Amino acid sequence: ELKRERQRSEMKIQVEKSKAKSREAELRADIAEKENKRKSEELEYARSIQQSFLPASIPKYKGMEIFAGQITASEVGGDYYDFFEESDGSLSFVLGDATGHGIGAALLVSAVKSSLITLQNRKTPSLVVTQMDETISKSKAESNLLISLLIGRIVQKNENLEITLSGGGIPPLYILDASGKVKEKEIVGLPLGSKIRFTYKQSKLNLQPGDTLVCFTDGLPEQSNINGEQFNYHRVKELLNEIPEDKRKPEYLGKLLFSTAEKWKPETFFDDDVTIVIIQNTWDTN
């Protein structure tokens, strides 16, 4: 009788343990579900912030055609592009890429956009970049967030587009000339917010009729396929080299680069945002 009682007692204990484990598993699942929901809501909030920074429309200028677009990653990054019409009639464009993902990157981009609005019309691209670097370095405290940034100011001179450029941490720019030849232009400079004293300089680029400037964030060349192989800069340049003359329009080029990147990374989310800005001198076609 004592043996049976002991067995019943042990069985009861096992049942209680089983119930406790089941309750624990349910609790863990509930916590995980709430955490996933919180992350999802935060992701959507960050995405909405990111999208609110982008211009509602692309500016239209005689003698100039512009394409700008963005594909966001599974985790919202800090890519950003914008256009500012200056009081002297020139057009400024901005391409940025904040490190990290989520709310932190979105807030850094917010600070950059606010600074650009304050500084436009008053300073050269190099002075804008320098002042923004100082502001970001002072305001971000111990944060390790940085932003790669390119600022260009476009002035129409007769039938040419003179572009003054400054920035840091940005991938090389590609110039597809009217003959179909692709050239590279490096923008030398540290990402903004590094807290390292650096003199940001500016350079000029002259787009003649039929020339096209192609700018992009590193999410394009550094996109990896299922084998871990990056798309890389060589493939980007090669792709531009192969564009037939009748297809060298900004919208076609931009969509081709996006679709090629999507094919390179099939059935998976992008590792990083991909943002492209393309500017073409169209005076010879107007």
C-alpha atoms as a PDB file:
ATOM      1  CA  GLU A   1       0.000   0.000   0.000  1.00  0.00           C
ATOM      2  CA  LEU A   2       2.833   2.374   0.893  1.00  0.00           C
ATOM      3  CA  LYS A   3       4.523   1.527  -2.390  1.00  0.00           C
ATOM      4  CA  ARG A   4       1.366   2.345  -4.386  1.00  0.00           C
ATOM      5  CA  GLU A   5       0.936   5.589  -2.439  1.00  0.00           C
ATOM      6  CA  ARG A   6       4.530   6.545  -3.191  1.00  0.00           C
ATOM      7  CA  GLN A   7       3.994   5.790  -6.879  1.00  0.00           C
ATOM      8  CA  ARG A   8       0.835   7.907  -6.972  1.00  0.00           C
ATOM      9  CA  SER A   9       2.685  10.703  -5.257  1.00  0.00           C
ATOM     10  CA  GLU A  10       5.548  10.512  -7.745  1.00  0.00           C
ATOM     11  CA  MET A  11       3.112  10.473 -10.643  1.00  0.00           C
ATOM     12  CA  LYS A  12       1.367  13.527  -9.224  1.00  0.00           C
ATOM     13  CA  ILE A  13       4.696  15.326  -8.934  1.00  0.00           C
ATOM     14  CA  GLN A  14       5.532  14.442 -12.537  1.00  0.00           C
ATOM     15  CA  VAL A  15       2.156  15.733 -13.696  1.00  0.00           C
ATOM     16  CA  GLU A  16       2.704  19.003 -11.824  1.00  0.00           C
ATOM     17  CA  LYS A  17       6.186  19.317 -13.298  1.00  0.00           C
ATOM     18  CA  SER A  18       4.804  18.710 -16.751  1.00  0.00           C
ATOM     19  CA  LYS A  19       2.119  21.363 -16.192  1.00  0.00           C
ATOM     20  CA  ALA A  20       4.748  23.789 -14.908  1.00  0.00           C
ATOM     21  CA  LYS A  21       6.928  23.225 -17.970  1.00  0.00           C
ATOM     22  CA  SER A  22       3.931  23.687 -20.213  1.00  0.00           C
ATOM     23  CA  ARG A  23       3.036  26.975 -18.473  1.00  0.00           C
ATOM     24  CA  GLU A  24       6.659  28.100 -18.731  1.00  0.00           C
ATOM     25  CA  ALA A  25       6.726  27.282 -22.446  1.00  0.00           C
ATOM     26  CA  GLU A  26       3.475  29.207 -22.961  1.00  0.00           C
ATOM     27  CA  LEU A  27       4.881  32.154 -21.021  1.00  0.00           C
ATOM     28  CA  ARG A  28       8.091  32.135 -23.070  1.00  0.00           C
ATOM     29  CA  ALA A  29       6.081  31.945 -26.298  1.00  0.00           C
ATOM     30  CA  ASP A  30       3.910  34.848 -25.135  1.00  0.00           C
ATOM     31  CA  ILE A  31       6.985  36.931 -24.265  1.00  0.00           C
ATOM     32  CA  ALA A  32       8.595  36.087 -27.619  1.00  0.00           C
ATOM     33  CA  GLU A  33       5.402  37.020 -29.462  1.00  0.00           C
ATOM     34  CA  LYS A  34       5.179  40.349 -27.667  1.00  0.00           C
ATOM     35  CA  GLU A  35       8.872  41.031 -28.325  1.00  0.00           C
ATOM     36  CA  ASN A  36       8.457  40.229 -32.022  1.00  0.00           C
ATOM     37  CA  LYS A  37       5.429  42.502 -32.155  1.00  0.00           C
ATOM     38  CA  ARG A  38       7.383  45.284 -30.444  1.00  0.00           C
ATOM     39  CA  LYS A  39      10.275  44.904 -32.890  1.00  0.00           C
ATOM     40  CA  SER A  40       7.877  44.816 -35.811  1.00  0.00           C
ATOM     41  CA  GLU A  41       6.157  47.999 -34.636  1.00  0.00           C
ATOM     42  CA  GLU A  42       9.520  49.675 -34.071  1.00  0.00           C
ATOM     43  CA  LEU A  43      10.626  48.587 -37.545  1.00  0.00           C
ATOM     44  CA  GLU A  44       7.510  50.033 -39.142  1.00  0.00           C
ATOM     45  CA  TYR A  45       7.916  53.249 -37.170  1.00  0.00           C
ATOM     46  CA  ALA A  46      11.544  53.562 -38.281  1.00  0.00           C
ATOM     47  CA  ARG A  47      10.508  52.811 -41.858  1.00  0.00           C
ATOM     48  CA  SER A  48       7.832  55.507 -41.757  1.00  0.00           C
ATOM     49  CA  ILE A  49      10.388  57.998 -40.411  1.00  0.00           C
ATOM     50  CA  GLN A  50      12.818  57.064 -43.160  1.00  0.00           C
ATOM     51  CA  GLN A  51      10.219  57.440 -45.899  1.00  0.00           C
ATOM     52  CA  SER A  52       9.087  60.824 -44.536  1.00  0.00           C
ATOM     53  CA  PHE A  53      12.583  62.219 -45.158  1.00  0.00           C
ATOM     54  CA  LEU A  54      12.468  61.516 -48.884  1.00  0.00           C
ATOM     55  CA  PRO A  55      11.299  64.195 -51.317  1.00  0.00           C
ATOM     56  CA  ALA A  56       7.698  63.984 -52.509  1.00  0.00           C
ATOM     57  CA  SER A  57       8.783  64.608 -56.097  1.00  0.00           C
ATOM     58  CA  ILE A  58      11.908  64.846 -58.216  1.00  0.00           C
ATOM     59  CA  PRO A  59      12.715  68.387 -59.422  1.00  0.00           C
ATOM     60  CA  LYS A  60      12.461  69.112 -63.140  1.00  0.00           C
ATOM     61  CA  TYR A  61      14.942  71.428 -64.840  1.00  0.00           C
ATOM     62  CA  LYS A  62      15.432  72.196 -68.490  1.00  0.00           C
ATOM     63  CA  GLY A  63      18.503  70.400 -69.802  1.00  0.00           C
ATOM     64  CA  MET A  64      18.545  67.954 -66.898  1.00  0.00           C
ATOM     65  CA  GLU A  65      16.904  64.602 -66.202  1.00  0.00           C
ATOM     66  CA  ILE A  66      17.003  63.048 -62.731  1.00  0.00           C
ATOM     67  CA  PHE A  67      16.212  59.628 -61.312  1.00  0.00           C
ATOM     68  CA  ALA A  68      16.196  58.857 -57.589  1.00  0.00           C
ATOM     69  CA  GLY A  69      14.950  55.763 -55.793  1.00  0.00           C
ATOM     70  CA  GLN A  70      15.434  53.476 -52.830  1.00  0.00           C
ATOM     71  CA  ILE A  71      14.895  49.857 -51.803  1.00  0.00           C
ATOM     72  CA  THR A  72      14.795  49.377 -48.035  1.00  0.00           C
ATOM     73  CA  ALA A  73      16.357  46.419 -46.265  1.00  0.00           C
ATOM     74  CA  SER A  74      14.612  43.938 -43.969  1.00  0.00           C
ATOM     75  CA  GLU A  75      15.937  46.025 -41.093  1.00  0.00           C
ATOM     76  CA  VAL A  76      15.492  49.699 -41.836  1.00  0.00           C
ATOM     77  CA  GLY A  77      18.810  51.352 -42.509  1.00  0.00           C
ATOM     78  CA  GLY A  78      19.725  54.986 -42.739  1.00  0.00           C
ATOM     79  CA  ASP A  79      19.844  55.726 -46.452  1.00  0.00           C
ATOM     80  CA  TYR A  80      18.683  59.160 -47.495  1.00  0.00           C
ATOM     81  CA  TYR A  81      18.478  61.329 -50.578  1.00  0.00           C
ATOM     82  CA  ASP A  82      17.084  64.789 -51.139  1.00  0.00           C
ATOM     83  CA  PHE A  83      17.080  67.839 -53.401  1.00  0.00           C
ATOM     84  CA  PHE A  84      17.215  71.524 -52.501  1.00  0.00           C
ATOM     85  CA  GLU A  85      16.469  74.329 -54.931  1.00  0.00           C
ATOM     86  CA  GLU A  86      18.833  77.165 -54.032  1.00  0.00           C
ATOM     87  CA  SER A  87      17.927  80.854 -54.143  1.00  0.00           C
ATOM     88  CA  ASP A  88      20.468  81.503 -56.936  1.00  0.00           C
ATOM     89  CA  GLY A  89      18.703  79.026 -59.240  1.00  0.00           C
ATOM     90  CA  SER A  90      21.147  76.170 -58.709  1.00  0.00           C
ATOM     91  CA  LEU A  91      20.069  72.710 -57.523  1.00  0.00           C
ATOM     92  CA  SER A  92      21.689  70.813 -54.649  1.00  0.00           C
ATOM     93  CA  PHE A  93      21.345  67.085 -54.136  1.00  0.00           C
ATOM     94  CA  VAL A  94      22.223  64.918 -51.165  1.00  0.00           C
ATOM     95  CA  LEU A  95      22.942  61.196 -50.831  1.00  0.00           C
ATOM     96  CA  GLY A  96      23.527  59.753 -47.355  1.00  0.00           C
ATOM     97  CA  ASP A  97      23.963  56.425 -45.589  1.00  0.00           C
ATOM     98  CA  ALA A  98      23.877  56.278 -41.789  1.00  0.00           C
ATOM     99  CA  THR A  99      25.485  53.273 -40.107  1.00  0.00           C
ATOM    100  CA  GLY A 100      23.296  50.812 -38.255  1.00  0.00           C
ATOM    101  CA  HIS A 101      19.598  50.126 -38.515  1.00  0.00           C
ATOM    102  CA  GLY A 102      16.324  51.071 -36.908  1.00  0.00           C
ATOM    103  CA  ILE A 103      15.384  54.122 -34.884  1.00  0.00           C
ATOM    104  CA  GLY A 104      18.975  55.244 -34.211  1.00  0.00           C
ATOM    105  CA  ALA A 105      19.859  55.510 -37.899  1.00  0.00           C
ATOM    106  CA  ALA A 106      16.523  57.187 -38.674  1.00  0.00           C
ATOM    107  CA  LEU A 107      17.074  59.827 -35.983  1.00  0.00           C
ATOM    108  CA  LEU A 108      20.577  60.576 -37.268  1.00  0.00           C
ATOM    109  CA  VAL A 109      19.182  61.106 -40.761  1.00  0.00           C
ATOM    110  CA  SER A 110      16.558  63.397 -39.227  1.00  0.00           C
ATOM    111  CA  ALA A 111      19.310  65.533 -37.693  1.00  0.00           C
ATOM    112  CA  VAL A 112      21.150  65.646 -41.023  1.00  0.00           C
ATOM    113  CA  LYS A 113      18.053  66.750 -42.935  1.00  0.00           C
ATOM    114  CA  SER A 114      17.355  69.488 -40.373  1.00  0.00           C
ATOM    115  CA  SER A 115      20.941  70.753 -40.653  1.00  0.00           C
ATOM    116  CA  LEU A 116      20.766  70.793 -44.444  1.00  0.00           C
ATOM    117  CA  ILE A 117      17.589  72.852 -44.411  1.00  0.00           C
ATOM    118  CA  THR A 118      19.256  75.344 -42.059  1.00  0.00           C
ATOM    119  CA  LEU A 119      22.483  75.569 -44.059  1.00  0.00           C
ATOM    120  CA  GLN A 120      21.157  75.645 -47.619  1.00  0.00           C
ATOM    121  CA  ASN A 121      21.616  78.835 -49.673  1.00  0.00           C
ATOM    122  CA  ARG A 122      24.373  80.055 -47.393  1.00  0.00           C
ATOM    123  CA  LYS A 123      27.461  77.898 -47.783  1.00  0.00           C
ATOM    124  CA  THR A 124      29.507  75.913 -50.294  1.00  0.00           C
ATOM    125  CA  PRO A 125      29.158  72.077 -50.221  1.00  0.00           C
ATOM    126  CA  SER A 126      32.492  71.635 -48.377  1.00  0.00           C
ATOM    127  CA  LEU A 127      31.536  74.150 -45.673  1.00  0.00           C
ATOM    128  CA  VAL A 128      28.121  72.487 -45.264  1.00  0.00           C
ATOM    129  CA  VAL A 129      29.767  69.078 -44.866  1.00  0.00           C
ATOM    130  CA  THR A 130      32.352  70.430 -42.406  1.00  0.00           C
ATOM    131  CA  GLN A 131      29.747  72.145 -40.228  1.00  0.00           C
ATOM    132  CA  MET A 132      27.488  69.091 -40.273  1.00  0.00           C
ATOM    133  CA  ASP A 133      30.413  66.868 -39.261  1.00  0.00           C
ATOM    134  CA  GLU A 134      31.115  69.123 -36.277  1.00  0.00           C
ATOM    135  CA  THR A 135      27.451  69.210 -35.279  1.00  0.00           C
ATOM    136  CA  ILE A 136      26.992  65.431 -35.489  1.00  0.00           C
ATOM    137  CA  SER A 137      30.248  64.745 -33.639  1.00  0.00           C
ATOM    138  CA  LYS A 138      29.183  66.988 -30.755  1.00  0.00           C
ATOM    139  CA  SER A 139      25.571  65.847 -30.527  1.00  0.00           C
ATOM    140  CA  LYS A 140      25.806  62.084 -30.743  1.00  0.00           C
ATOM    141  CA  ALA A 141      27.604  61.670 -27.412  1.00  0.00           C
ATOM    142  CA  GLU A 142      28.909  58.108 -27.044  1.00  0.00           C
ATOM    143  CA  SER A 143      26.926  56.751 -29.964  1.00  0.00           C
ATOM    144  CA  ASN A 144      28.949  55.010 -32.672  1.00  0.00           C
ATOM    145  CA  LEU A 145      26.618  56.145 -35.450  1.00  0.00           C
ATOM    146  CA  LEU A 146      28.271  57.721 -38.487  1.00  0.00           C
ATOM    147  CA  ILE A 147      26.876  58.898 -41.797  1.00  0.00           C
ATOM    148  CA  SER A 148      28.464  58.730 -45.222  1.00  0.00           C
ATOM    149  CA  LEU A 149      27.363  61.788 -47.147  1.00  0.00           C
ATOM    150  CA  LEU A 150      27.612  63.316 -50.595  1.00  0.00           C
ATOM    151  CA  ILE A 151      26.494  66.858 -51.384  1.00  0.00           C
ATOM    152  CA  GLY A 152      26.468  68.191 -54.923  1.00  0.00           C
ATOM    153  CA  ARG A 153      25.479  71.631 -56.179  1.00  0.00           C
ATOM    154  CA  ILE A 154      24.507  71.821 -59.862  1.00  0.00           C
ATOM    155  CA  VAL A 155      24.891  75.039 -61.841  1.00  0.00           C
ATOM    156  CA  GLN A 156      23.904  75.250 -65.485  1.00  0.00           C
ATOM    157  CA  LYS A 157      26.550  76.975 -67.580  1.00  0.00           C
ATOM    158  CA  ASN A 158      25.457  77.290 -71.188  1.00  0.00           C
ATOM    159  CA  GLU A 159      24.774  73.657 -72.154  1.00  0.00           C
ATOM    160  CA  ASN A 160      26.997  72.135 -69.485  1.00  0.00           C
ATOM    161  CA  LEU A 161      26.178  71.134 -65.909  1.00  0.00           C
ATOM    162  CA  GLU A 162      28.897  72.169 -63.469  1.00  0.00           C
ATOM    163  CA  ILE A 163      28.623  70.132 -60.277  1.00  0.00           C
ATOM    164  CA  THR A 164      30.520  71.050 -57.110  1.00  0.00           C
ATOM    165  CA  LEU A 165      30.923  67.975 -54.885  1.00  0.00           C
ATOM    166  CA  SER A 166      31.947  67.330 -51.288  1.00  0.00           C
ATOM    167  CA  GLY A 167      31.431  64.594 -48.736  1.00  0.00           C
ATOM    168  CA  GLY A 168      32.948  61.579 -47.078  1.00  0.00           C
ATOM    169  CA  GLY A 169      32.641  57.807 -46.817  1.00  0.00           C
ATOM    170  CA  ILE A 170      30.618  57.573 -50.016  1.00  0.00           C
ATOM    171  CA  PRO A 171      31.272  55.007 -52.802  1.00  0.00           C
ATOM    172  CA  PRO A 172      32.971  56.219 -55.982  1.00  0.00           C
ATOM    173  CA  LEU A 173      30.762  58.043 -58.461  1.00  0.00           C
ATOM    174  CA  TYR A 174      30.450  56.808 -62.024  1.00  0.00           C
ATOM    175  CA  ILE A 175      30.234  59.111 -65.012  1.00  0.00           C
ATOM    176  CA  LEU A 176      28.776  57.527 -68.125  1.00  0.00           C
ATOM    177  CA  ASP A 177      29.760  59.879 -70.924  1.00  0.00           C
ATOM    178  CA  ALA A 178      27.910  60.449 -74.193  1.00  0.00           C
ATOM    179  CA  SER A 179      30.127  57.905 -75.977  1.00  0.00           C
ATOM    180  CA  GLY A 180      29.259  55.162 -73.465  1.00  0.00           C
ATOM    181  CA  LYS A 181      32.581  55.177 -71.619  1.00  0.00           C
ATOM    182  CA  VAL A 182      32.430  54.886 -67.822  1.00  0.00           C
ATOM    183  CA  LYS A 183      34.789  56.889 -65.601  1.00  0.00           C
ATOM    184  CA  GLU A 184      35.165  56.846 -61.823  1.00  0.00           C
ATOM    185  CA  LYS A 185      35.365  59.819 -59.499  1.00  0.00           C
ATOM    186  CA  GLU A 186      36.436  59.378 -55.882  1.00  0.00           C
ATOM    187  CA  ILE A 187      35.111  61.647 -53.151  1.00  0.00           C
ATOM    188  CA  VAL A 188      37.834  61.554 -50.509  1.00  0.00           C
ATOM    189  CA  GLY A 189      36.668  62.109 -46.942  1.00  0.00           C
ATOM    190  CA  LEU A 190      35.775  60.430 -43.652  1.00  0.00           C
ATOM    191  CA  PRO A 191      32.178  59.591 -42.740  1.00  0.00           C
ATOM    192  CA  LEU A 192      30.601  62.425 -40.776  1.00  0.00           C
ATOM    193  CA  GLY A 193      30.556  62.108 -36.985  1.00  0.00           C
ATOM    194  CA  SER A 194      33.895  60.298 -36.661  1.00  0.00           C
ATOM    195  CA  LYS A 195      35.211  62.915 -34.187  1.00  0.00           C
ATOM    196  CA  ILE A 196      38.476  62.941 -36.135  1.00  0.00           C
ATOM    197  CA  ARG A 197      39.577  66.369 -37.309  1.00  0.00           C
ATOM    198  CA  PHE A 198      39.396  66.312 -41.085  1.00  0.00           C
ATOM    199  CA  THR A 199      39.382  69.009 -43.755  1.00  0.00           C
ATOM    200  CA  TYR A 200      36.603  68.325 -46.215  1.00  0.00           C
ATOM    201  CA  LYS A 201      37.457  69.609 -49.659  1.00  0.00           C
ATOM    202  CA  GLN A 202      35.342  70.000 -52.743  1.00  0.00           C
ATOM    203  CA  SER A 203      35.884  69.200 -56.382  1.00  0.00           C
ATOM    204  CA  LYS A 204      34.137  70.096 -59.612  1.00  0.00           C
ATOM    205  CA  LEU A 205      32.662  67.835 -62.234  1.00  0.00           C
ATOM    206  CA  ASN A 206      31.544  69.034 -65.643  1.00  0.00           C
ATOM    207  CA  LEU A 207      28.725  67.096 -67.299  1.00  0.00           C
ATOM    208  CA  GLN A 208      28.617  67.796 -71.006  1.00  0.00           C
ATOM    209  CA  PRO A 209      25.505  67.102 -73.118  1.00  0.00           C
ATOM    210  CA  GLY A 210      24.710  63.386 -72.999  1.00  0.00           C
ATOM    211  CA  ASP A 211      26.861  62.724 -69.893  1.00  0.00           C
ATOM    212  CA  THR A 212      25.316  60.948 -66.909  1.00  0.00           C
ATOM    213  CA  LEU A 213      26.344  60.947 -63.241  1.00  0.00           C
ATOM    214  CA  VAL A 214      25.497  57.753 -61.321  1.00  0.00           C
ATOM    215  CA  CYS A 215      25.614  57.862 -57.497  1.00  0.00           C
ATOM    216  CA  PHE A 216      24.647  55.077 -55.089  1.00  0.00           C
ATOM    217  CA  THR A 217      25.082  53.892 -51.511  1.00  0.00           C
ATOM    218  CA  ASP A 218      27.236  50.877 -50.674  1.00  0.00           C
ATOM    219  CA  GLY A 219      24.163  48.674 -50.309  1.00  0.00           C
ATOM    220  CA  LEU A 220      24.321  48.135 -54.085  1.00  0.00           C
ATOM    221  CA  PRO A 221      27.904  46.845 -54.598  1.00  0.00           C
ATOM    222  CA  GLU A 222      28.069  45.136 -51.191  1.00  0.00           C
ATOM    223  CA  GLN A 223      24.861  43.137 -51.653  1.00  0.00           C
ATOM    224  CA  SER A 224      25.631  39.410 -51.204  1.00  0.00           C
ATOM    225  CA  ASN A 225      24.027  36.508 -53.032  1.00  0.00           C
ATOM    226  CA  ILE A 226      23.131  33.117 -51.526  1.00  0.00           C
ATOM    227  CA  ASN A 227      26.802  32.067 -51.803  1.00  0.00           C
ATOM    228  CA  GLY A 228      28.017  35.113 -49.888  1.00  0.00           C
ATOM    229  CA  GLU A 229      29.526  36.697 -52.996  1.00  0.00           C
ATOM    230  CA  GLN A 230      29.180  40.466 -53.240  1.00  0.00           C
ATOM    231  CA  PHE A 231      27.798  42.162 -56.339  1.00  0.00           C
ATOM    232  CA  ASN A 232      30.841  44.492 -56.122  1.00  0.00           C
ATOM    233  CA  TYR A 233      31.857  47.695 -57.894  1.00  0.00           C
ATOM    234  CA  HIS A 234      33.285  45.957 -60.941  1.00  0.00           C
ATOM    235  CA  ARG A 235      29.887  44.478 -61.819  1.00  0.00           C
ATOM    236  CA  VAL A 236      28.213  47.861 -61.408  1.00  0.00           C
ATOM    237  CA  LYS A 237      30.731  49.461 -63.772  1.00  0.00           C
ATOM    238  CA  GLU A 238      30.479  46.562 -66.204  1.00  0.00           C
ATOM    239  CA  LEU A 239      26.699  46.835 -66.250  1.00  0.00           C
ATOM    240  CA  LEU A 240      26.878  50.551 -67.080  1.00  0.00           C
ATOM    241  CA  ASN A 241      29.450  49.882 -69.806  1.00  0.00           C
ATOM    242  CA  GLU A 242      27.055  47.495 -71.529  1.00  0.00           C
ATOM    243  CA  ILE A 243      24.094  49.896 -71.763  1.00  0.00           C
ATOM    244  CA  PRO A 244      23.166  50.508 -75.424  1.00  0.00           C
ATOM    245  CA  GLU A 245      23.028  54.136 -76.526  1.00  0.00           C
ATOM    246  CA  ASP A 246      19.244  54.243 -76.886  1.00  0.00           C
ATOM    247  CA  LYS A 247      18.800  53.015 -73.281  1.00  0.00           C
ATOM    248  CA  ARG A 248      21.040  55.554 -71.521  1.00  0.00           C
ATOM    249  CA  LYS A 249      18.232  57.336 -69.722  1.00  0.00           C
ATOM    250  CA  PRO A 250      18.288  57.885 -65.934  1.00  0.00           C
ATOM    251  CA  GLU A 251      15.046  56.024 -65.244  1.00  0.00           C
ATOM    252  CA  TYR A 252      16.118  53.019 -67.314  1.00  0.00           C
ATOM    253  CA  LEU A 253      19.560  52.956 -65.687  1.00  0.00           C
ATOM    254  CA  GLY A 254      18.116  53.216 -62.172  1.00  0.00           C
ATOM    255  CA  LYS A 255      15.524  50.492 -62.684  1.00  0.00           C
ATOM    256  CA  LEU A 256      18.128  48.244 -64.310  1.00  0.00           C
ATOM    257  CA  LEU A 257      20.483  48.612 -61.333  1.00  0.00           C
ATOM    258  CA  PHE A 258      17.655  47.872 -58.882  1.00  0.00           C
ATOM    259  CA  SER A 259      16.376  44.838 -60.798  1.00  0.00           C
ATOM    260  CA  THR A 260      19.905  43.455 -61.194  1.00  0.00           C
ATOM    261  CA  ALA A 261      20.501  43.801 -57.450  1.00  0.00           C
ATOM    262  CA  GLU A 262      17.202  42.031 -56.724  1.00  0.00           C
ATOM    263  CA  LYS A 263      18.126  39.155 -59.037  1.00  0.00           C
ATOM    264  CA  TRP A 264      21.529  38.933 -57.364  1.00  0.00           C
ATOM    265  CA  LYS A 265      19.824  38.338 -54.012  1.00  0.00           C
ATOM    266  CA  PRO A 266      16.829  36.094 -54.873  1.00  0.00           C
ATOM    267  CA  GLU A 267      14.022  35.303 -52.455  1.00  0.00           C
ATOM    268  CA  THR A 268      15.661  37.069 -49.521  1.00  0.00           C
ATOM    269  CA  PHE A 269      15.577  40.528 -48.023  1.00  0.00           C
ATOM    270  CA  PHE A 270      18.358  42.974 -48.758  1.00  0.00           C
ATOM    271  CA  ASP A 271      21.148  43.205 -46.158  1.00  0.00           C
ATOM    272  CA  ASP A 272      21.208  46.975 -46.461  1.00  0.00           C
ATOM    273  CA  ASP A 273      19.266  49.783 -48.086  1.00  0.00           C
ATOM    274  CA  VAL A 274      20.051  50.477 -51.729  1.00  0.00           C
ATOM    275  CA  THR A 275      19.690  54.099 -52.855  1.00  0.00           C
ATOM    276  CA  ILE A 276      20.469  55.465 -56.305  1.00  0.00           C
ATOM    277  CA  VAL A 277      20.590  59.025 -57.665  1.00  0.00           C
ATOM    278  CA  ILE A 278      21.248  59.589 -61.375  1.00  0.00           C
ATOM    279  CA  ILE A 279      21.648  62.969 -63.090  1.00  0.00           C
ATOM    280  CA  GLN A 280      21.934  63.399 -66.846  1.00  0.00           C
ATOM    281  CA  ASN A 281      22.687  66.420 -69.011  1.00  0.00           C
ATOM    282  CA  THR A 282      19.986  66.290 -71.682  1.00  0.00           C
ATOM    283  CA  TRP A 283      20.698  69.520 -73.541  1.00  0.00           C
ATOM    284  CA  ASP A 284      21.557  67.643 -76.732  1.00  0.00           C
ATOM    285  CA  THR A 285      18.194  65.846 -76.679  1.00  0.00           C
ATOM    286  CA  ASN A 286      15.926  68.816 -75.864  1.00  0.00           C
END
